N, C-alpha and C. Protein backbone atom coordinates (compact mmCIF):
# COMPACT_ATOMS: atom_id res chain seq x y z
N MET A 1 -10.84 1.32 -43.54
CA MET A 1 -10.41 2.33 -42.63
C MET A 1 -10.12 1.80 -41.20
N ASN A 2 -10.75 0.69 -40.88
CA ASN A 2 -10.56 0.15 -39.53
C ASN A 2 -9.14 -0.37 -39.37
N ASN A 3 -8.60 -1.05 -40.33
CA ASN A 3 -7.20 -1.55 -40.22
C ASN A 3 -6.19 -0.39 -40.02
N ARG A 4 -6.44 0.74 -40.68
CA ARG A 4 -5.58 1.93 -40.53
C ARG A 4 -5.61 2.48 -39.13
N ASN A 5 -6.77 2.48 -38.52
CA ASN A 5 -6.92 2.97 -37.13
C ASN A 5 -6.21 2.07 -36.14
N ILE A 6 -6.23 0.80 -36.39
CA ILE A 6 -5.51 -0.17 -35.54
C ILE A 6 -4.02 0.06 -35.67
N LEU A 7 -3.56 0.24 -36.94
CA LEU A 7 -2.16 0.50 -37.15
C LEU A 7 -1.67 1.81 -36.43
N TYR A 8 -2.47 2.82 -36.49
CA TYR A 8 -2.17 4.08 -35.80
C TYR A 8 -2.07 3.86 -34.30
N ALA A 9 -2.99 3.08 -33.75
CA ALA A 9 -3.04 2.82 -32.32
C ALA A 9 -1.74 2.04 -31.94
N ILE A 10 -1.33 1.05 -32.70
CA ILE A 10 -0.15 0.26 -32.40
C ILE A 10 1.09 1.15 -32.44
N VAL A 11 1.21 1.97 -33.48
CA VAL A 11 2.34 2.88 -33.63
C VAL A 11 2.39 3.86 -32.48
N GLY A 12 1.22 4.42 -32.12
CA GLY A 12 1.13 5.37 -30.96
C GLY A 12 1.59 4.67 -29.68
N ALA A 13 1.16 3.50 -29.43
CA ALA A 13 1.49 2.80 -28.20
C ALA A 13 3.04 2.50 -28.17
N LEU A 14 3.59 2.16 -29.31
CA LEU A 14 5.05 1.90 -29.36
C LEU A 14 5.81 3.23 -29.07
N ILE A 15 5.32 4.33 -29.62
CA ILE A 15 5.97 5.61 -29.36
C ILE A 15 5.95 5.99 -27.89
N VAL A 16 4.76 5.74 -27.27
CA VAL A 16 4.63 5.99 -25.82
C VAL A 16 5.56 5.10 -25.06
N ALA A 17 5.63 3.86 -25.37
CA ALA A 17 6.49 2.87 -24.68
C ALA A 17 7.97 3.24 -24.72
N VAL A 18 8.42 3.66 -25.94
CA VAL A 18 9.80 4.09 -26.13
C VAL A 18 10.06 5.35 -25.34
N GLY A 19 9.10 6.26 -25.31
CA GLY A 19 9.30 7.49 -24.47
C GLY A 19 9.40 7.18 -22.96
N ILE A 20 8.59 6.29 -22.47
CA ILE A 20 8.64 5.94 -21.05
C ILE A 20 10.01 5.27 -20.74
N LEU A 21 10.42 4.29 -21.59
CA LEU A 21 11.69 3.64 -21.34
C LEU A 21 12.83 4.65 -21.40
N GLY A 22 12.81 5.53 -22.30
CA GLY A 22 13.87 6.58 -22.41
C GLY A 22 13.88 7.38 -21.15
N TYR A 23 12.77 7.79 -20.65
CA TYR A 23 12.68 8.62 -19.43
C TYR A 23 13.24 7.80 -18.25
N ILE A 24 12.91 6.56 -18.15
CA ILE A 24 13.37 5.70 -17.06
C ILE A 24 14.92 5.57 -17.06
N LEU A 25 15.48 5.39 -18.32
CA LEU A 25 16.92 5.26 -18.38
C LEU A 25 17.60 6.60 -18.10
N TYR A 26 16.97 7.72 -18.49
CA TYR A 26 17.51 9.02 -18.16
C TYR A 26 17.57 9.26 -16.67
N GLN A 27 16.48 8.84 -15.96
CA GLN A 27 16.52 9.00 -14.51
C GLN A 27 17.51 8.16 -13.84
N GLU A 28 17.81 6.94 -14.36
CA GLU A 28 18.79 6.07 -13.77
C GLU A 28 20.18 6.66 -13.94
N LYS A 29 20.51 7.26 -15.08
CA LYS A 29 21.79 7.83 -15.33
C LYS A 29 21.97 9.14 -14.55
N LYS A 30 20.89 9.83 -14.19
CA LYS A 30 20.96 11.13 -13.55
C LYS A 30 21.32 10.97 -12.03
N GLN A 31 21.15 9.77 -11.49
CA GLN A 31 21.43 9.63 -10.07
C GLN A 31 22.89 9.80 -9.85
N PRO A 32 23.27 10.54 -8.79
CA PRO A 32 24.66 10.77 -8.49
C PRO A 32 25.44 9.51 -8.15
N GLU A 33 26.72 9.56 -8.40
CA GLU A 33 27.57 8.43 -8.11
C GLU A 33 28.17 8.64 -6.77
N GLY A 34 28.73 7.63 -6.15
CA GLY A 34 29.40 7.71 -4.86
C GLY A 34 28.61 7.01 -3.79
N LEU A 35 28.59 7.60 -2.59
CA LEU A 35 27.94 6.99 -1.47
C LEU A 35 26.51 7.61 -1.27
N GLN A 36 25.62 6.76 -0.87
CA GLN A 36 24.26 7.22 -0.51
C GLN A 36 24.09 6.85 0.94
N ILE A 37 23.73 7.85 1.78
CA ILE A 37 23.56 7.66 3.20
C ILE A 37 22.13 7.97 3.58
N ASN A 38 21.43 6.94 4.16
CA ASN A 38 20.03 7.08 4.53
C ASN A 38 19.92 6.91 5.99
N VAL A 39 19.22 7.78 6.67
CA VAL A 39 18.91 7.67 8.06
C VAL A 39 17.40 7.55 8.18
N GLY A 40 16.91 6.46 8.76
CA GLY A 40 15.49 6.24 8.88
C GLY A 40 15.17 5.47 10.15
N PRO A 41 13.97 4.96 10.20
CA PRO A 41 13.54 4.26 11.41
C PRO A 41 14.35 2.98 11.64
N ASP A 42 14.86 2.37 10.58
CA ASP A 42 15.67 1.17 10.67
C ASP A 42 17.14 1.41 11.02
N GLY A 43 17.49 2.73 11.10
CA GLY A 43 18.82 3.06 11.46
C GLY A 43 19.59 3.62 10.30
N LEU A 44 20.92 3.60 10.33
CA LEU A 44 21.76 4.15 9.30
C LEU A 44 22.08 3.14 8.21
N LYS A 45 21.88 3.57 6.93
CA LYS A 45 22.20 2.68 5.80
C LYS A 45 23.16 3.41 4.88
N ILE A 46 24.23 2.75 4.51
CA ILE A 46 25.18 3.35 3.58
C ILE A 46 25.30 2.43 2.36
N LYS A 47 25.06 3.01 1.19
CA LYS A 47 25.18 2.21 -0.05
C LYS A 47 26.27 2.82 -0.93
N SER A 48 27.00 1.99 -1.57
CA SER A 48 28.03 2.40 -2.50
C SER A 48 27.47 2.26 -3.92
N LYS A 49 27.62 3.34 -4.75
CA LYS A 49 27.05 3.27 -6.09
C LYS A 49 28.18 3.18 -7.06
């Protein structure tokens, strides 16, 4: 029974890892394209995406 529990733990960890990577990729693609303008203490920053 112990080997089966270890197998379930490994499969569960892989499912969680795939879910996290999928969410990160989704967030990256969701970012708008074009220019990003930031105004902060360091001044004005313009990034092209």
